[in-house]
């Protein structure tokens, strides 16, 4: 299966949502994407409740359902970042660097990536 990067996904989603931005405006598009994200968070909660037995489920593949709902969440998160010109790759690395120092982690994300190549 192909691998994607945040940069590619951001560019793809920006292209996808660009006509909507022109038509509805950024604020309206952001609100719509955020509301979809909230819906997806609820769907993830539903699947997790089913996986733990807190809620009944007649679905056979809860793991697959969870994967799909998490993918939907990532879609909307990256779309919101893309239309706001936020580079998630850089932001995640910097945020992790600061957290690694603050919480005295053994290594940060950059070191982890170097060690796992």
N, C-alpha and C. Protein backbone atom coordinates (compact mmCIF):
# COMPACT_ATOMS: atom_id res chain seq x y z
N UNK A 1 0.84 -1.18 0.00
CA UNK A 1 0.00 0.00 0.00
C UNK A 1 0.89 1.25 0.00
N UNK A 2 0.41 2.26 -0.67
CA UNK A 2 1.14 3.53 -0.76
C UNK A 2 1.21 4.22 0.60
N UNK A 3 2.25 5.00 0.82
CA UNK A 3 2.39 5.81 2.03
C UNK A 3 2.15 7.26 1.65
N UNK A 4 1.53 8.00 2.58
CA UNK A 4 1.31 9.42 2.34
C UNK A 4 2.03 10.22 3.42
N UNK A 5 2.25 11.48 3.13
CA UNK A 5 2.82 12.39 4.10
C UNK A 5 1.80 13.48 4.40
N UNK A 6 2.00 14.18 5.49
CA UNK A 6 1.12 15.31 5.79
C UNK A 6 1.15 16.33 4.66
N UNK A 7 2.33 16.60 4.13
CA UNK A 7 2.45 17.60 3.06
C UNK A 7 1.57 17.24 1.86
N UNK A 8 1.60 15.98 1.45
CA UNK A 8 0.81 15.54 0.31
C UNK A 8 -0.68 15.59 0.64
N UNK A 9 -1.04 15.10 1.82
CA UNK A 9 -2.45 15.11 2.21
C UNK A 9 -2.98 16.53 2.35
N UNK A 10 -2.16 17.44 2.90
CA UNK A 10 -2.57 18.84 3.01
C UNK A 10 -2.81 19.44 1.62
N UNK A 11 -1.91 19.20 0.69
CA UNK A 11 -2.06 19.74 -0.66
C UNK A 11 -3.30 19.16 -1.34
N UNK A 12 -3.51 17.87 -1.20
CA UNK A 12 -4.66 17.21 -1.80
C UNK A 12 -5.97 17.77 -1.24
N UNK A 13 -6.04 17.90 0.09
CA UNK A 13 -7.28 18.39 0.70
C UNK A 13 -7.51 19.87 0.42
N UNK A 14 -6.43 20.64 0.34
CA UNK A 14 -6.59 22.05 -0.04
C UNK A 14 -7.17 22.16 -1.45
N UNK A 15 -6.65 21.35 -2.36
CA UNK A 15 -7.19 21.33 -3.71
C UNK A 15 -8.66 20.89 -3.69
N UNK A 16 -8.96 19.90 -2.89
CA UNK A 16 -10.33 19.38 -2.80
C UNK A 16 -11.30 20.42 -2.25
N UNK A 17 -10.88 21.14 -1.21
CA UNK A 17 -11.77 22.10 -0.56
C UNK A 17 -11.69 23.51 -1.15
N UNK A 18 -10.76 23.76 -2.06
CA UNK A 18 -10.59 25.10 -2.62
C UNK A 18 -11.87 25.65 -3.26
N UNK A 19 -12.58 24.87 -4.09
CA UNK A 19 -13.83 25.42 -4.66
C UNK A 19 -14.84 25.81 -3.58
N UNK A 20 -14.87 25.05 -2.52
CA UNK A 20 -15.78 25.35 -1.41
C UNK A 20 -15.37 26.63 -0.70
N UNK A 21 -14.05 26.83 -0.56
CA UNK A 21 -13.54 28.06 0.06
C UNK A 21 -13.96 29.28 -0.77
N UNK A 22 -13.84 29.16 -2.08
CA UNK A 22 -14.22 30.27 -2.96
C UNK A 22 -15.72 30.54 -2.90
N UNK A 23 -16.49 29.48 -2.77
CA UNK A 23 -17.94 29.61 -2.79
C UNK A 23 -18.49 30.06 -1.43
N UNK A 24 -18.06 29.39 -0.35
CA UNK A 24 -18.64 29.63 0.98
C UNK A 24 -17.81 30.58 1.84
N UNK A 25 -16.54 30.70 1.53
CA UNK A 25 -15.64 31.48 2.37
C UNK A 25 -14.94 30.59 3.38
N UNK A 26 -13.81 31.08 3.90
CA UNK A 26 -13.01 30.26 4.80
C UNK A 26 -13.71 29.98 6.12
N UNK A 27 -14.34 31.00 6.70
CA UNK A 27 -14.97 30.81 8.00
C UNK A 27 -16.07 29.75 7.94
N UNK A 28 -16.89 29.82 6.93
CA UNK A 28 -17.98 28.85 6.78
C UNK A 28 -17.44 27.44 6.54
N UNK A 29 -16.41 27.35 5.70
CA UNK A 29 -15.80 26.05 5.41
C UNK A 29 -15.15 25.47 6.66
N UNK A 30 -14.45 26.31 7.42
CA UNK A 30 -13.84 25.84 8.67
C UNK A 30 -14.89 25.32 9.63
N UNK A 31 -15.97 26.06 9.79
CA UNK A 31 -17.03 25.62 10.70
C UNK A 31 -17.62 24.29 10.26
N UNK A 32 -17.84 24.16 8.97
CA UNK A 32 -18.39 22.92 8.44
C UNK A 32 -17.44 21.75 8.68
N UNK A 33 -16.16 21.96 8.41
CA UNK A 33 -15.17 20.90 8.63
C UNK A 33 -15.06 20.55 10.11
N UNK A 34 -15.12 21.56 10.97
CA UNK A 34 -15.03 21.31 12.40
C UNK A 34 -16.25 20.51 12.88
N UNK A 35 -17.42 20.85 12.39
CA UNK A 35 -18.62 20.10 12.79
C UNK A 35 -18.52 18.64 12.33
N UNK A 36 -17.98 18.42 11.14
CA UNK A 36 -17.77 17.05 10.68
C UNK A 36 -16.76 16.32 11.57
N UNK A 37 -15.71 17.03 11.99
CA UNK A 37 -14.73 16.44 12.89
C UNK A 37 -15.38 16.02 14.20
N UNK A 38 -16.21 16.88 14.76
CA UNK A 38 -16.91 16.55 16.00
C UNK A 38 -17.78 15.31 15.82
N UNK A 39 -18.48 15.22 14.70
CA UNK A 39 -19.28 14.03 14.40
C UNK A 39 -18.41 12.78 14.39
N UNK A 40 -17.26 12.89 13.75
CA UNK A 40 -16.36 11.74 13.65
C UNK A 40 -15.82 11.34 15.03
N UNK A 41 -15.55 12.32 15.88
CA UNK A 41 -15.09 12.00 17.25
C UNK A 41 -16.17 11.20 17.96
N UNK A 42 -17.42 11.60 17.79
CA UNK A 42 -18.52 10.85 18.37
C UNK A 42 -18.60 9.44 17.83
N UNK A 43 -18.35 9.27 16.55
CA UNK A 43 -18.37 7.94 15.95
C UNK A 43 -17.23 7.07 16.47
N UNK A 44 -16.06 7.67 16.70
CA UNK A 44 -14.95 6.93 17.31
C UNK A 44 -15.34 6.49 18.73
N UNK A 45 -15.95 7.40 19.48
CA UNK A 45 -16.39 7.06 20.85
C UNK A 45 -17.38 5.90 20.81
N UNK A 46 -18.28 5.93 19.85
CA UNK A 46 -19.28 4.86 19.72
C UNK A 46 -18.60 3.51 19.48
N UNK A 47 -17.66 3.47 18.55
CA UNK A 47 -16.96 2.21 18.25
C UNK A 47 -16.16 1.75 19.46
N UNK A 48 -15.48 2.67 20.14
CA UNK A 48 -14.70 2.28 21.32
C UNK A 48 -15.62 1.72 22.41
N UNK A 49 -16.78 2.32 22.58
CA UNK A 49 -17.75 1.79 23.55
C UNK A 49 -18.22 0.40 23.15
N UNK A 50 -18.39 0.16 21.87
CA UNK A 50 -18.79 -1.16 21.40
C UNK A 50 -17.66 -2.17 21.61
N UNK A 51 -16.42 -1.75 21.34
CA UNK A 51 -15.28 -2.66 21.52
C UNK A 51 -15.11 -3.10 22.97
N UNK A 52 -15.40 -2.20 23.90
CA UNK A 52 -15.23 -2.53 25.32
C UNK A 52 -16.46 -3.19 25.92
N UNK A 53 -17.53 -3.30 25.15
CA UNK A 53 -18.74 -3.94 25.64
C UNK A 53 -19.68 -3.01 26.39
N UNK A 54 -19.36 -1.73 26.45
CA UNK A 54 -20.25 -0.78 27.11
C UNK A 54 -21.52 -0.54 26.31
N UNK A 55 -21.44 -0.78 25.00
CA UNK A 55 -22.61 -0.66 24.14
C UNK A 55 -22.68 -1.90 23.26
N UNK A 56 -23.89 -2.30 22.95
CA UNK A 56 -24.12 -3.45 22.07
C UNK A 56 -23.67 -3.12 20.65
N UNK A 57 -23.14 -4.13 19.99
CA UNK A 57 -22.78 -3.98 18.59
C UNK A 57 -23.10 -5.26 17.84
N UNK A 58 -23.69 -5.10 16.67
CA UNK A 58 -23.92 -6.25 15.79
C UNK A 58 -22.92 -6.24 14.63
N UNK A 59 -21.95 -5.32 14.69
CA UNK A 59 -20.94 -5.23 13.65
C UNK A 59 -19.89 -6.31 13.88
N UNK A 60 -19.41 -6.90 12.80
CA UNK A 60 -18.44 -7.98 12.90
C UNK A 60 -17.00 -7.47 13.00
N UNK A 61 -16.73 -6.34 12.39
CA UNK A 61 -15.35 -5.85 12.31
C UNK A 61 -15.22 -4.49 12.98
N UNK A 62 -15.22 -4.47 14.29
CA UNK A 62 -15.10 -3.21 15.02
C UNK A 62 -13.74 -2.57 14.82
N UNK A 63 -12.71 -3.37 14.65
CA UNK A 63 -11.37 -2.83 14.41
C UNK A 63 -11.34 -2.08 13.08
N UNK A 64 -11.97 -2.65 12.07
CA UNK A 64 -12.06 -1.99 10.77
C UNK A 64 -12.89 -0.71 10.84
N UNK A 65 -13.98 -0.76 11.61
CA UNK A 65 -14.81 0.44 11.80
C UNK A 65 -14.01 1.54 12.49
N UNK A 66 -13.25 1.15 13.51
CA UNK A 66 -12.43 2.13 14.23
C UNK A 66 -11.41 2.76 13.28
N UNK A 67 -10.78 1.95 12.46
CA UNK A 67 -9.79 2.46 11.50
C UNK A 67 -10.42 3.49 10.57
N UNK A 68 -11.61 3.19 10.07
CA UNK A 68 -12.30 4.11 9.16
C UNK A 68 -12.65 5.43 9.84
N UNK A 69 -13.15 5.34 11.06
CA UNK A 69 -13.53 6.57 11.78
C UNK A 69 -12.31 7.41 12.13
N UNK A 70 -11.19 6.77 12.51
CA UNK A 70 -9.97 7.52 12.79
C UNK A 70 -9.44 8.18 11.52
N UNK A 71 -9.55 7.48 10.39
CA UNK A 71 -9.13 8.07 9.11
C UNK A 71 -9.99 9.30 8.79
N UNK A 72 -11.29 9.21 9.08
CA UNK A 72 -12.17 10.37 8.86
C UNK A 72 -11.73 11.54 9.73
N UNK A 73 -11.38 11.28 10.99
CA UNK A 73 -10.92 12.35 11.88
C UNK A 73 -9.67 13.01 11.32
N UNK A 74 -8.72 12.20 10.88
CA UNK A 74 -7.48 12.74 10.32
C UNK A 74 -7.78 13.59 9.09
N UNK A 75 -8.70 13.13 8.26
CA UNK A 75 -9.09 13.89 7.07
C UNK A 75 -9.50 15.31 7.46
N UNK A 76 -10.42 15.43 8.41
CA UNK A 76 -10.93 16.75 8.77
C UNK A 76 -9.89 17.59 9.51
N UNK A 77 -9.07 16.98 10.33
CA UNK A 77 -8.01 17.72 11.02
C UNK A 77 -7.02 18.29 10.01
N UNK A 78 -6.59 17.46 9.08
CA UNK A 78 -5.62 17.92 8.07
C UNK A 78 -6.26 18.95 7.14
N UNK A 79 -7.52 18.78 6.82
CA UNK A 79 -8.20 19.77 5.97
C UNK A 79 -8.26 21.13 6.66
N UNK A 80 -8.58 21.16 7.94
CA UNK A 80 -8.61 22.42 8.68
C UNK A 80 -7.22 23.06 8.70
N UNK A 81 -6.21 22.24 8.91
CA UNK A 81 -4.84 22.75 8.89
C UNK A 81 -4.50 23.31 7.51
N UNK A 82 -4.85 22.58 6.47
CA UNK A 82 -4.49 22.98 5.10
C UNK A 82 -5.11 24.31 4.72
N UNK A 83 -6.39 24.50 5.03
CA UNK A 83 -7.01 25.76 4.61
C UNK A 83 -6.54 26.94 5.46
N UNK A 84 -5.85 26.64 6.57
CA UNK A 84 -5.26 27.69 7.40
C UNK A 84 -3.76 27.81 7.18
N UNK A 85 -3.23 27.13 6.15
CA UNK A 85 -1.81 27.16 5.82
C UNK A 85 -0.93 26.77 7.01
N UNK A 86 -1.38 25.75 7.74
CA UNK A 86 -0.61 25.20 8.86
C UNK A 86 0.08 23.94 8.36
N UNK A 87 1.37 23.89 8.53
CA UNK A 87 2.15 22.72 8.13
C UNK A 87 2.24 21.78 9.33
N UNK A 88 1.40 20.76 9.34
CA UNK A 88 1.32 19.86 10.48
C UNK A 88 2.63 19.14 10.75
N UNK A 89 3.34 18.76 9.70
CA UNK A 89 4.61 18.07 9.89
C UNK A 89 5.54 18.90 10.79
N UNK A 90 5.73 20.15 10.42
CA UNK A 90 6.62 21.03 11.19
C UNK A 90 6.08 21.28 12.59
N UNK A 91 4.78 21.48 12.69
CA UNK A 91 4.16 21.78 13.97
C UNK A 91 4.28 20.60 14.93
N UNK A 92 4.04 19.39 14.43
CA UNK A 92 4.12 18.20 15.28
C UNK A 92 5.55 17.99 15.76
N UNK A 93 6.51 18.14 14.87
CA UNK A 93 7.91 17.95 15.27
C UNK A 93 8.32 18.98 16.32
N UNK A 94 7.95 20.24 16.12
CA UNK A 94 8.32 21.28 17.09
C UNK A 94 7.61 21.07 18.43
N UNK A 95 6.35 20.73 18.37
CA UNK A 95 5.59 20.50 19.61
C UNK A 95 6.18 19.33 20.38
N UNK A 96 6.56 18.27 19.67
CA UNK A 96 7.17 17.12 20.32
C UNK A 96 8.53 17.48 20.92
N UNK A 97 9.31 18.30 20.19
CA UNK A 97 10.62 18.71 20.69
C UNK A 97 10.48 19.42 22.04
N UNK A 98 9.54 20.34 22.12
CA UNK A 98 9.29 21.08 23.36
C UNK A 98 8.80 20.14 24.46
N UNK A 99 7.88 19.24 24.13
CA UNK A 99 7.34 18.31 25.12
C UNK A 99 8.42 17.36 25.63
N UNK A 100 9.31 16.93 24.73
CA UNK A 100 10.37 16.00 25.14
C UNK A 100 11.28 16.64 26.18
N UNK A 101 11.55 17.92 26.02
CA UNK A 101 12.36 18.64 27.01
C UNK A 101 11.56 18.83 28.29
N UNK A 102 10.35 19.31 28.15
CA UNK A 102 9.51 19.61 29.31
C UNK A 102 9.27 18.37 30.17
N UNK A 103 8.98 17.24 29.53
CA UNK A 103 8.64 16.02 30.28
C UNK A 103 9.81 15.04 30.37
N UNK A 104 10.98 15.48 29.97
CA UNK A 104 12.22 14.72 30.08
C UNK A 104 12.13 13.33 29.45
N UNK A 105 11.64 13.31 28.21
CA UNK A 105 11.58 12.04 27.47
C UNK A 105 13.00 11.58 27.14
N UNK A 106 13.16 10.28 26.98
CA UNK A 106 14.47 9.73 26.63
C UNK A 106 14.92 10.21 25.25
N UNK A 107 13.97 10.37 24.34
CA UNK A 107 14.29 10.86 22.99
C UNK A 107 13.09 11.58 22.44
N UNK A 108 13.33 12.44 21.47
CA UNK A 108 12.23 13.15 20.82
C UNK A 108 11.90 12.47 19.50
N UNK A 109 10.91 13.00 18.82
CA UNK A 109 10.44 12.39 17.57
C UNK A 109 11.52 12.36 16.50
N UNK A 110 12.27 13.43 16.38
CA UNK A 110 13.35 13.47 15.37
C UNK A 110 14.36 12.37 15.64
N UNK A 111 14.79 12.24 16.90
CA UNK A 111 15.74 11.18 17.25
C UNK A 111 15.15 9.80 16.97
N UNK A 112 13.88 9.62 17.30
CA UNK A 112 13.20 8.35 17.04
C UNK A 112 13.21 8.03 15.55
N UNK A 113 12.91 9.04 14.72
CA UNK A 113 12.90 8.81 13.27
C UNK A 113 14.28 8.45 12.76
N UNK A 114 15.30 9.10 13.28
CA UNK A 114 16.67 8.80 12.85
C UNK A 114 17.06 7.36 13.23
N UNK A 115 16.66 6.95 14.43
CA UNK A 115 17.02 5.63 14.93
C UNK A 115 16.26 4.50 14.27
N UNK A 116 15.09 4.78 13.72
CA UNK A 116 14.27 3.72 13.14
C UNK A 116 14.40 3.63 11.62
N UNK A 117 15.28 4.41 11.03
CA UNK A 117 15.47 4.35 9.56
C UNK A 117 16.20 3.11 9.18
